[in-house]
């Protein structure tokens, strides 16, 4: 029984990350991949080796790569990748307002303010 028959709902089953990268690089080139997935490994001195290292360590980017691969081969998107947009990283905390540089306050010595009262 082939891997496609044993896992009919998962087009990624049995496909290595390297095979996915090689397929997409042949289809789109590194420039085309950089346009589709905004990661430095596609735009700054790209190679299969550097991309493999990055995608193995970065789950959110790997999900984007897998989604692009599935679309490129015309397969149905598996359930575990359908909700990738809902799993965005949490928003960054807003930056705290900087205290006015009046020279007074408890941190004025640290921040170089005037210590005269």
Protein backbone atom coordinates (compact mmCIF):
# COMPACT_ATOMS: atom_id res chain seq x y z
CA UNK A 1 0.00 0.00 0.00
CA UNK A 2 1.44 3.40 -0.95
CA UNK A 3 1.69 6.31 1.49
CA UNK A 4 -0.95 8.21 -0.52
CA UNK A 5 -3.38 5.31 -0.03
CA UNK A 6 -2.62 4.88 3.69
CA UNK A 7 -3.14 8.61 4.41
CA UNK A 8 -5.53 9.85 1.73
CA UNK A 9 -6.35 13.10 3.58
CA UNK A 10 -2.75 14.23 4.10
CA UNK A 11 -0.83 15.16 0.94
CA UNK A 12 2.23 15.89 3.11
CA UNK A 13 2.51 12.33 4.42
CA UNK A 14 5.82 10.84 3.35
CA UNK A 15 7.06 14.07 1.72
CA UNK A 16 10.24 15.44 3.26
CA UNK A 17 10.83 19.11 3.94
CA UNK A 18 13.73 18.98 1.50
CA UNK A 19 11.48 17.58 -1.24
CA UNK A 20 8.95 20.36 -0.57
CA UNK A 21 11.66 23.04 -0.79
CA UNK A 22 13.18 21.59 -3.97
CA UNK A 23 9.76 21.37 -5.64
CA UNK A 24 8.85 24.96 -4.74
CA UNK A 25 12.29 26.30 -5.70
CA UNK A 26 11.99 24.65 -9.12
CA UNK A 27 8.46 25.98 -9.60
CA UNK A 28 8.90 29.55 -8.31
CA UNK A 29 12.62 30.13 -7.82
CA UNK A 30 13.96 31.76 -4.65
CA UNK A 31 12.80 35.20 -5.82
CA UNK A 32 9.26 33.92 -6.35
CA UNK A 33 9.31 32.22 -2.96
CA UNK A 34 10.52 35.44 -1.32
CA UNK A 35 7.53 37.23 -2.86
CA UNK A 36 5.11 34.62 -1.51
CA UNK A 37 6.63 33.97 1.94
CA UNK A 38 8.41 36.91 3.56
CA UNK A 39 11.40 35.25 5.21
CA UNK A 40 15.06 36.18 4.92
CA UNK A 41 16.27 32.72 3.94
CA UNK A 42 14.61 33.19 0.53
CA UNK A 43 15.92 36.70 -0.09
CA UNK A 44 19.40 36.83 1.50
CA UNK A 45 21.88 34.39 -0.08
CA UNK A 46 19.30 31.58 -0.40
CA UNK A 47 20.19 27.90 -0.50
CA UNK A 48 18.30 24.70 0.18
CA UNK A 49 20.57 24.04 3.17
CA UNK A 50 19.93 27.42 4.84
CA UNK A 51 16.20 27.16 4.16
CA UNK A 52 16.04 23.68 5.67
CA UNK A 53 17.72 24.94 8.82
CA UNK A 54 15.30 27.87 9.11
CA UNK A 55 12.08 25.96 8.40
CA UNK A 56 12.99 23.15 10.81
CA UNK A 57 13.27 25.70 13.62
CA UNK A 58 10.32 27.95 12.71
CA UNK A 59 6.91 26.23 12.87
CA UNK A 60 4.82 29.22 11.67
CA UNK A 61 6.98 29.60 8.57
CA UNK A 62 6.97 25.87 7.88
CA UNK A 63 3.16 25.90 7.93
CA UNK A 64 3.16 28.66 5.31
CA UNK A 65 5.61 26.67 3.20
CA UNK A 66 3.48 23.52 3.48
CA UNK A 67 0.35 25.46 2.51
CA UNK A 68 2.10 26.86 -0.57
CA UNK A 69 3.30 23.38 -1.52
CA UNK A 70 -0.18 21.88 -1.22
CA UNK A 71 -1.65 24.67 -3.34
CA UNK A 72 1.12 24.23 -5.93
CA UNK A 73 0.34 20.53 -6.39
CA UNK A 74 -3.43 21.15 -6.48
CA UNK A 75 -4.33 19.01 -3.48
CA UNK A 76 -7.03 19.56 -0.89
CA UNK A 77 -5.79 21.42 2.20
CA UNK A 78 -5.62 19.11 5.25
CA UNK A 79 -7.57 20.18 8.33
CA UNK A 80 -4.47 20.87 10.43
CA UNK A 81 -3.37 23.58 7.97
CA UNK A 82 -6.77 25.18 7.35
CA UNK A 83 -6.63 27.25 10.53
CA UNK A 84 -3.06 28.52 10.19
CA UNK A 85 -4.30 32.10 9.83
CA UNK A 86 -6.04 31.87 13.20
CA UNK A 87 -2.77 30.85 14.91
CA UNK A 88 -0.93 34.07 14.37
CA UNK A 89 1.62 35.05 16.93
CA UNK A 90 0.21 37.28 19.67
CA UNK A 91 0.38 41.00 19.00
CA UNK A 92 3.34 42.83 20.41
CA UNK A 93 2.79 44.73 23.59
CA UNK A 94 2.42 48.46 23.01
CA UNK A 95 5.50 50.46 23.86
CA UNK A 96 5.27 52.31 27.12
CA UNK A 97 5.32 56.06 26.86
CA UNK A 98 8.71 57.48 27.68
CA UNK A 99 8.71 59.66 30.75
CA UNK A 100 9.25 63.32 30.10
CA UNK A 101 12.89 64.31 30.45
CA UNK A 102 12.26 66.91 33.09
CA UNK A 103 15.13 65.88 35.31
CA UNK A 104 12.94 65.03 38.26
CA UNK A 105 11.69 61.68 39.41
CA UNK A 106 13.16 58.53 40.79
CA UNK A 107 15.02 57.48 37.60
CA UNK A 108 16.49 60.83 36.66
CA UNK A 109 19.97 59.79 37.80
CA UNK A 110 19.77 56.69 35.61
CA UNK A 111 18.50 58.49 32.52
CA UNK A 112 20.77 61.48 32.84
CA UNK A 113 18.23 63.96 34.12
CA UNK A 114 18.95 66.90 36.31
CA UNK A 115 19.09 65.86 39.99
CA UNK A 116 18.56 69.36 41.36
CA UNK A 117 15.38 69.94 43.30
